[in-house]
Amino acid sequence: MLVLTRKPAEIIRIGEDIVIKVIKTGKGTVKIGIEAPSNVRVMRGELVEDEAPAPVIPASFTVAMRAVSDQYPHVA
């Protein structure tokens, strides 16, 4: 598991086309925005059925994951 520290308005990029941006932080909470292609399903973890097997994450995906600066004006 990769653990990162981000401040409001900073982002994390996953691969070429997924962007996670910290929108707001508060006492014990964080609001994030996720920008992903329409073919990528984004769901809260508690909505996923318990019977579903955990997805297998290929090593190439982990290598592609990296944090970048907050200089992405296209991410609102």
PDB file of N, CA and C in Angstrom:
ATOM      1  N   MET A   1       0.848  -1.173   0.000  1.00  0.00           N
ATOM      2  CA  MET A   1       0.000   0.000   0.000  1.00  0.00           C
ATOM      3  C   MET A   1       0.894   1.236   0.000  1.00  0.00           C
ATOM      4  N   LEU A   2       0.589   2.144  -0.884  1.00  0.00           N
ATOM      5  CA  LEU A   2       1.297   3.415  -0.935  1.00  0.00           C
ATOM      6  C   LEU A   2       0.531   4.416  -0.078  1.00  0.00           C
ATOM      7  N   VAL A   3       1.198   5.061   0.855  1.00  0.00           N
ATOM      8  CA  VAL A   3       0.574   6.058   1.723  1.00  0.00           C
ATOM      9  C   VAL A   3       1.217   7.405   1.428  1.00  0.00           C
ATOM     10  N   LEU A   4       0.388   8.401   1.092  1.00  0.00           N
ATOM     11  CA  LEU A   4       0.878   9.724   0.745  1.00  0.00           C
ATOM     12  C   LEU A   4       0.244  10.775   1.631  1.00  0.00           C
ATOM     13  N   THR A   5       0.961  11.859   1.853  1.00  0.00           N
ATOM     14  CA  THR A   5       0.413  13.017   2.553  1.00  0.00           C
ATOM     15  C   THR A   5       0.173  14.101   1.514  1.00  0.00           C
ATOM     16  N   ARG A   6      -1.026  14.642   1.472  1.00  0.00           N
ATOM     17  CA  ARG A   6      -1.382  15.686   0.524  1.00  0.00           C
ATOM     18  C   ARG A   6      -2.094  16.801   1.269  1.00  0.00           C
ATOM     19  N   LYS A   7      -1.952  18.008   0.792  1.00  0.00           N
ATOM     20  CA  LYS A   7      -2.644  19.175   1.337  1.00  0.00           C
ATOM     21  C   LYS A   7      -3.811  19.513   0.420  1.00  0.00           C
ATOM     22  N   PRO A   8      -4.759  20.334   0.887  1.00  0.00           N
ATOM     23  CA  PRO A   8      -5.872  20.734   0.013  1.00  0.00           C
ATOM     24  C   PRO A   8      -5.350  21.292  -1.313  1.00  0.00           C
ATOM     25  N   ALA A   9      -6.009  20.919  -2.390  1.00  0.00           N
ATOM     26  CA  ALA A   9      -5.712  21.296  -3.773  1.00  0.00           C
ATOM     27  C   ALA A   9      -4.565  20.499  -4.377  1.00  0.00           C
ATOM     28  N   GLU A  10      -3.858  19.684  -3.604  1.00  0.00           N
ATOM     29  CA  GLU A  10      -2.819  18.840  -4.172  1.00  0.00           C
ATOM     30  C   GLU A  10      -3.467  17.586  -4.744  1.00  0.00           C
ATOM     31  N   ILE A  11      -2.787  16.958  -5.705  1.00  0.00           N
ATOM     32  CA  ILE A  11      -3.380  15.816  -6.381  1.00  0.00           C
ATOM     33  C   ILE A  11      -2.452  14.616  -6.366  1.00  0.00           C
ATOM     34  N   ILE A  12      -3.047  13.492  -6.753  1.00  0.00           N
ATOM     35  CA  ILE A  12      -2.341  12.232  -6.968  1.00  0.00           C
ATOM     36  C   ILE A  12      -2.796  11.739  -8.335  1.00  0.00           C
ATOM     37  N   ARG A  13      -1.861  11.306  -9.164  1.00  0.00           N
ATOM     38  CA  ARG A  13      -2.203  10.733 -10.474  1.00  0.00           C
ATOM     39  C   ARG A  13      -1.976   9.231 -10.407  1.00  0.00           C
ATOM     40  N   ILE A  14      -2.890   8.487 -11.001  1.00  0.00           N
ATOM     41  CA  ILE A  14      -2.764   7.042 -11.120  1.00  0.00           C
ATOM     42  C   ILE A  14      -2.761   6.736 -12.610  1.00  0.00           C
ATOM     43  N   GLY A  15      -1.650   6.249 -13.089  1.00  0.00           N
ATOM     44  CA  GLY A  15      -1.535   5.987 -14.518  1.00  0.00           C
ATOM     45  C   GLY A  15      -1.643   7.271 -15.316  1.00  0.00           C
ATOM     46  N   GLU A  16      -2.180   7.158 -16.518  1.00  0.00           N
ATOM     47  CA  GLU A  16      -2.275   8.300 -17.426  1.00  0.00           C
ATOM     48  C   GLU A  16      -3.557   9.099 -17.260  1.00  0.00           C
ATOM     49  N   ASP A  17      -4.621   8.478 -16.751  1.00  0.00           N
ATOM     50  CA  ASP A  17      -5.915   9.134 -16.859  1.00  0.00           C
ATOM     51  C   ASP A  17      -6.779   9.139 -15.598  1.00  0.00           C
ATOM     52  N   ILE A  18      -6.198   8.885 -14.447  1.00  0.00           N
ATOM     53  CA  ILE A  18      -6.961   8.965 -13.198  1.00  0.00           C
ATOM     54  C   ILE A  18      -6.292   9.994 -12.299  1.00  0.00           C
ATOM     55  N   VAL A  19      -7.088  10.954 -11.825  1.00  0.00           N
ATOM     56  CA  VAL A  19      -6.584  12.024 -10.972  1.00  0.00           C
ATOM     57  C   VAL A  19      -7.421  12.053  -9.697  1.00  0.00           C
ATOM     58  N   ILE A  20      -6.743  12.082  -8.557  1.00  0.00           N
ATOM     59  CA  ILE A  20      -7.408  12.214  -7.260  1.00  0.00           C
ATOM     60  C   ILE A  20      -6.938  13.524  -6.660  1.00  0.00           C
ATOM     61  N   LYS A  21      -7.883  14.387  -6.308  1.00  0.00           N
ATOM     62  CA  LYS A  21      -7.546  15.708  -5.778  1.00  0.00           C
ATOM     63  C   LYS A  21      -8.162  15.883  -4.386  1.00  0.00           C
ATOM     64  N   VAL A  22      -7.358  16.401  -3.461  1.00  0.00           N
ATOM     65  CA  VAL A  22      -7.866  16.728  -2.129  1.00  0.00           C
ATOM     66  C   VAL A  22      -8.644  18.037  -2.258  1.00  0.00           C
ATOM     67  N   ILE A  23      -9.933  17.994  -1.998  1.00  0.00           N
ATOM     68  CA  ILE A  23     -10.787  19.165  -2.122  1.00  0.00           C
ATOM     69  C   ILE A  23     -10.799  19.969  -0.821  1.00  0.00           C
ATOM     70  N   LYS A  24     -10.983  19.268   0.296  1.00  0.00           N
ATOM     71  CA  LYS A  24     -11.106  19.947   1.580  1.00  0.00           C
ATOM     72  C   LYS A  24     -10.764  18.975   2.699  1.00  0.00           C
ATOM     73  N   THR A  25     -10.109  19.481   3.727  1.00  0.00           N
ATOM     74  CA  THR A  25      -9.853  18.669   4.911  1.00  0.00           C
ATOM     75  C   THR A  25     -10.552  19.310   6.098  1.00  0.00           C
ATOM     76  N   GLY A  26     -10.954  18.490   7.020  1.00  0.00           N
ATOM     77  CA  GLY A  26     -11.622  18.981   8.215  1.00  0.00           C
ATOM     78  C   GLY A  26     -11.240  18.112   9.390  1.00  0.00           C
ATOM     79  N   LYS A  27     -11.861  18.343  10.496  1.00  0.00           N
ATOM     80  CA  LYS A  27     -11.561  17.582  11.707  1.00  0.00           C
ATOM     81  C   LYS A  27     -12.006  16.130  11.526  1.00  0.00           C
ATOM     82  N   GLY A  28     -11.055  15.269  11.253  1.00  0.00           N
ATOM     83  CA  GLY A  28     -11.348  13.851  11.094  1.00  0.00           C
ATOM     84  C   GLY A  28     -11.950  13.467   9.753  1.00  0.00           C
ATOM     85  N   THR A  29     -12.002  14.376   8.778  1.00  0.00           N
ATOM     86  CA  THR A  29     -12.570  14.060   7.469  1.00  0.00           C
ATOM     87  C   THR A  29     -11.699  14.626   6.355  1.00  0.00           C
ATOM     88  N   VAL A  30     -11.895  14.086   5.188  1.00  0.00           N
ATOM     89  CA  VAL A  30     -11.244  14.622   4.000  1.00  0.00           C
ATOM     90  C   VAL A  30     -12.232  14.467   2.840  1.00  0.00           C
ATOM     91  N   LYS A  31     -12.356  15.492   2.016  1.00  0.00           N
ATOM     92  CA  LYS A  31     -13.204  15.429   0.830  1.00  0.00           C
ATOM     93  C   LYS A  31     -12.279  15.342  -0.369  1.00  0.00           C
ATOM     94  N   ILE A  32     -12.501  14.314  -1.206  1.00  0.00           N
ATOM     95  CA  ILE A  32     -11.654  14.129  -2.372  1.00  0.00           C
ATOM     96  C   ILE A  32     -12.502  14.143  -3.638  1.00  0.00           C
ATOM     97  N   GLY A  33     -11.870  14.519  -4.731  1.00  0.00           N
ATOM     98  CA  GLY A  33     -12.491  14.448  -6.041  1.00  0.00           C
ATOM     99  C   GLY A  33     -11.730  13.439  -6.869  1.00  0.00           C
ATOM    100  N   ILE A  34     -12.463  12.646  -7.657  1.00  0.00           N
ATOM    101  CA  ILE A  34     -11.837  11.626  -8.482  1.00  0.00           C
ATOM    102  C   ILE A  34     -12.247  11.861  -9.927  1.00  0.00           C
ATOM    103  N   GLU A  35     -11.253  12.018 -10.788  1.00  0.00           N
ATOM    104  CA  GLU A  35     -11.493  12.189 -12.217  1.00  0.00           C
ATOM    105  C   GLU A  35     -10.950  10.953 -12.913  1.00  0.00           C
ATOM    106  N   ALA A  36     -11.853  10.216 -13.584  1.00  0.00           N
ATOM    107  CA  ALA A  36     -11.460   8.974 -14.234  1.00  0.00           C
ATOM    108  C   ALA A  36     -12.253   8.813 -15.527  1.00  0.00           C
ATOM    109  N   PRO A  37     -11.767   7.994 -16.442  1.00  0.00           N
ATOM    110  CA  PRO A  37     -12.512   7.739 -17.671  1.00  0.00           C
ATOM    111  C   PRO A  37     -13.868   7.108 -17.355  1.00  0.00           C
ATOM    112  N   SER A  38     -14.813   7.271 -18.265  1.00  0.00           N
ATOM    113  CA  SER A  38     -16.166   6.767 -18.022  1.00  0.00           C
ATOM    114  C   SER A  38     -16.221   5.248 -17.912  1.00  0.00           C
ATOM    115  N   ASN A  39     -15.229   4.537 -18.441  1.00  0.00           N
ATOM    116  CA  ASN A  39     -15.229   3.077 -18.339  1.00  0.00           C
ATOM    117  C   ASN A  39     -14.663   2.577 -17.014  1.00  0.00           C
ATOM    118  N   VAL A  40     -14.185   3.472 -16.141  1.00  0.00           N
ATOM    119  CA  VAL A  40     -13.663   3.086 -14.825  1.00  0.00           C
ATOM    120  C   VAL A  40     -14.753   3.327 -13.787  1.00  0.00           C
ATOM    121  N   ARG A  41     -15.160   2.284 -13.110  1.00  0.00           N
ATOM    122  CA  ARG A  41     -16.206   2.395 -12.090  1.00  0.00           C
ATOM    123  C   ARG A  41     -15.572   2.848 -10.778  1.00  0.00           C
ATOM    124  N   VAL A  42     -16.088   3.938 -10.215  1.00  0.00           N
ATOM    125  CA  VAL A  42     -15.594   4.473  -8.953  1.00  0.00           C
ATOM    126  C   VAL A  42     -16.729   4.359  -7.943  1.00  0.00           C
ATOM    127  N   MET A  43     -16.499   3.625  -6.852  1.00  0.00           N
ATOM    128  CA  MET A  43     -17.539   3.411  -5.839  1.00  0.00           C
ATOM    129  C   MET A  43     -16.943   3.529  -4.444  1.00  0.00           C
ATOM    130  N   ARG A  44     -17.774   3.939  -3.501  1.00  0.00           N
ATOM    131  CA  ARG A  44     -17.376   3.894  -2.092  1.00  0.00           C
ATOM    132  C   ARG A  44     -17.217   2.431  -1.693  1.00  0.00           C
ATOM    133  N   GLY A  45     -16.221   2.162  -0.880  1.00  0.00           N
ATOM    134  CA  GLY A  45     -15.930   0.788  -0.483  1.00  0.00           C
ATOM    135  C   GLY A  45     -17.076   0.078   0.197  1.00  0.00           C
ATOM    136  N   GLU A  46     -17.857   0.790   1.000  1.00  0.00           N
ATOM    137  CA  GLU A  46     -18.947   0.140   1.730  1.00  0.00           C
ATOM    138  C   GLU A  46     -20.103  -0.279   0.820  1.00  0.00           C
ATOM    139  N   LEU A  47     -20.116   0.183  -0.433  1.00  0.00           N
ATOM    140  CA  LEU A  47     -21.177  -0.199  -1.357  1.00  0.00           C
ATOM    141  C   LEU A  47     -20.843  -1.447  -2.168  1.00  0.00           C
ATOM    142  N   VAL A  48     -19.602  -1.884  -2.089  1.00  0.00           N
ATOM    143  CA  VAL A  48     -19.190  -3.080  -2.808  1.00  0.00           C
ATOM    144  C   VAL A  48     -19.599  -4.295  -1.990  1.00  0.00           C
ATOM    145  N   GLU A  49     -20.203  -5.282  -2.659  1.00  0.00           N
ATOM    146  CA  GLU A  49     -20.667  -6.480  -1.952  1.00  0.00           C
ATOM    147  C   GLU A  49     -19.494  -7.230  -1.338  1.00  0.00           C
ATOM    148  N   ASP A  50     -19.709  -7.748  -0.122  1.00  0.00           N
ATOM    149  CA  ASP A  50     -18.660  -8.478   0.591  1.00  0.00           C
ATOM    150  C   ASP A  50     -18.262  -9.771  -0.119  1.00  0.00           C
ATOM    151  N   GLU A  51     -19.172 -10.367  -0.896  1.00  0.00           N
ATOM    152  CA  GLU A  51     -18.882 -11.639  -1.546  1.00  0.00           C
ATOM    153  C   GLU A  51     -17.945 -11.476  -2.737  1.00  0.00           C
ATOM    154  N   ALA A  52     -17.830 -10.281  -3.258  1.00  0.00           N
ATOM    155  CA  ALA A  52     -16.994 -10.068  -4.443  1.00  0.00           C
ATOM    156  C   ALA A  52     -15.523 -10.255  -4.077  1.00  0.00           C
ATOM    157  N   PRO A  53     -14.782 -10.982  -4.923  1.00  0.00           N
ATOM    158  CA  PRO A  53     -13.349 -11.161  -4.634  1.00  0.00           C
ATOM    159  C   PRO A  53     -12.599  -9.852  -4.818  1.00  0.00           C
ATOM    160  N   ALA A  54     -11.537  -9.702  -4.091  1.00  0.00           N
ATOM    161  CA  ALA A  54     -10.708  -8.494  -4.207  1.00  0.00           C
ATOM    162  C   ALA A  54     -10.057  -8.471  -5.583  1.00  0.00           C
ATOM    163  N   PRO A  55      -9.987  -7.291  -6.200  1.00  0.00           N
ATOM    164  CA  PRO A  55      -9.367  -7.226  -7.522  1.00  0.00           C
ATOM    165  C   PRO A  55      -7.865  -7.483  -7.441  1.00  0.00           C
ATOM    166  N   VAL A  56      -7.339  -8.042  -8.485  1.00  0.00           N
ATOM    167  CA  VAL A  56      -5.895  -8.275  -8.585  1.00  0.00           C
ATOM    168  C   VAL A  56      -5.287  -7.049  -9.255  1.00  0.00           C
ATOM    169  N   ILE A  57      -4.337  -6.420  -8.584  1.00  0.00           N
ATOM    170  CA  ILE A  57      -3.696  -5.221  -9.113  1.00  0.00           C
ATOM    171  C   ILE A  57      -2.354  -5.624  -9.713  1.00  0.00           C
ATOM    172  N   PRO A  58      -2.215  -5.461 -11.029  1.00  0.00           N
ATOM    173  CA  PRO A  58      -0.948  -5.862 -11.650  1.00  0.00           C
ATOM    174  C   PRO A  58       0.216  -4.990 -11.193  1.00  0.00           C
ATOM    175  N   ALA A  59       1.398  -5.545 -11.209  1.00  0.00           N
ATOM    176  CA  ALA A  59       2.591  -4.812 -10.776  1.00  0.00           C
ATOM    177  C   ALA A  59       2.803  -3.570 -11.622  1.00  0.00           C
ATOM    178  N   SER A  60       2.445  -3.628 -12.905  1.00  0.00           N
ATOM    179  CA  SER A  60       2.639  -2.468 -13.781  1.00  0.00           C
ATOM    180  C   SER A  60       1.793  -1.282 -13.330  1.00  0.00           C
ATOM    181  N   PHE A  61       0.628  -1.552 -12.749  1.00  0.00           N
ATOM    182  CA  PHE A  61      -0.224  -0.483 -12.241  1.00  0.00           C
ATOM    183  C   PHE A  61       0.441   0.211 -11.053  1.00  0.00           C
ATOM    184  N   THR A  62       1.024  -0.574 -10.168  1.00  0.00           N
ATOM    185  CA  THR A  62       1.702  -0.007  -9.009  1.00  0.00           C
ATOM    186  C   THR A  62       2.874   0.865  -9.439  1.00  0.00           C
ATOM    187  N   VAL A  63       3.596   0.419 -10.453  1.00  0.00           N
ATOM    188  CA  VAL A  63       4.734   1.189 -10.955  1.00  0.00           C
ATOM    189  C   VAL A  63       4.244   2.504 -11.561  1.00  0.00           C
ATOM    190  N   ALA A  64       3.084   2.474 -12.228  1.00  0.00           N
ATOM    191  CA  ALA A  64       2.565   3.680 -12.896  1.00  0.00           C
ATOM    192  C   ALA A  64       2.033   4.711 -11.910  1.00  0.00           C
ATOM    193  N   MET A  65       1.744   4.303 -10.693  1.00  0.00           N
ATOM    194  CA  MET A  65       1.166   5.209  -9.706  1.00  0.00           C
ATOM    195  C   MET A  65       2.241   6.152  -9.170  1.00  0.00           C
ATOM    196  N   ARG A  66       1.951   7.449  -9.201  1.00  0.00           N
ATOM    197  CA  ARG A  66       2.914   8.406  -8.661  1.00  0.00           C
ATOM    198  C   ARG A  66       2.194   9.689  -8.273  1.00  0.00           C
ATOM    199  N   ALA A  67       2.768  10.412  -7.316  1.00  0.00           N
ATOM    200  CA  ALA A  67       2.201  11.687  -6.894  1.00  0.00           C
ATOM    201  C   ALA A  67       2.849  12.793  -7.707  1.00  0.00           C
ATOM    202  N   VAL A  68       2.069  13.805  -8.041  1.00  0.00           N
ATOM    203  CA  VAL A  68       2.581  14.936  -8.794  1.00  0.00           C
ATOM    204  C   VAL A  68       2.150  16.233  -8.138  1.00  0.00           C
ATOM    205  N   SER A  69       2.631  17.336  -8.646  1.00  0.00           N
ATOM    206  CA  SER A  69       2.326  18.632  -8.051  1.00  0.00           C
ATOM    207  C   SER A  69       0.875  19.010  -8.263  1.00  0.00           C
ATOM    208  N   ASP A  70       0.458  20.085  -7.654  1.00  0.00           N
ATOM    209  CA  ASP A  70      -0.925  20.528  -7.755  1.00  0.00           C
ATOM    210  C   ASP A  70      -1.142  21.483  -8.924  1.00  0.00           C
ATOM    211  N   GLN A  71      -0.283  21.433  -9.917  1.00  0.00           N
ATOM    212  CA  GLN A  71      -0.363  22.344 -11.042  1.00  0.00           C
ATOM    213  C   GLN A  71      -1.175  21.765 -12.200  1.00  0.00           C
ATOM    214  N   TYR A  72      -2.402  21.339 -11.927  1.00  0.00           N
ATOM    215  CA  TYR A  72      -3.283  20.812 -12.954  1.00  0.00           C
ATOM    216  C   TYR A  72      -4.566  21.634 -12.970  1.00  0.00           C
ATOM    217  N   PRO A  73      -4.596  22.738 -13.711  1.00  0.00           N
ATOM    218  CA  PRO A  73      -5.761  23.625 -13.689  1.00  0.00           C
ATOM    219  C   PRO A  73      -7.017  22.977 -14.251  1.00  0.00           C
ATOM    220  N   HIS A  74      -6.909  21.900 -15.029  1.00  0.00           N
ATOM    221  CA  HIS A  74      -8.099  21.269 -15.584  1.00  0.00           C
ATOM    222  C   HIS A  74      -8.873  20.472 -14.545  1.00  0.00           C
ATOM    223  N   VAL A  75      -8.281  20.244 -13.375  1.00  0.00           N
ATOM    224  CA  VAL A  75      -8.959  19.512 -12.309  1.00  0.00           C
ATOM    225  C   VAL A  75      -9.624  20.526 -11.391  1.00  0.00           C
ATOM    226  N   ALA A  76     -10.941  20.531 -11.381  1.00  0.00           N
ATOM    227  CA  ALA A  76     -11.667  21.524 -10.576  1.00  0.00           C
ATOM    228  C   ALA A  76     -11.833  21.060  -9.163  1.00  0.00           C
TER     229      ALA A  76
END
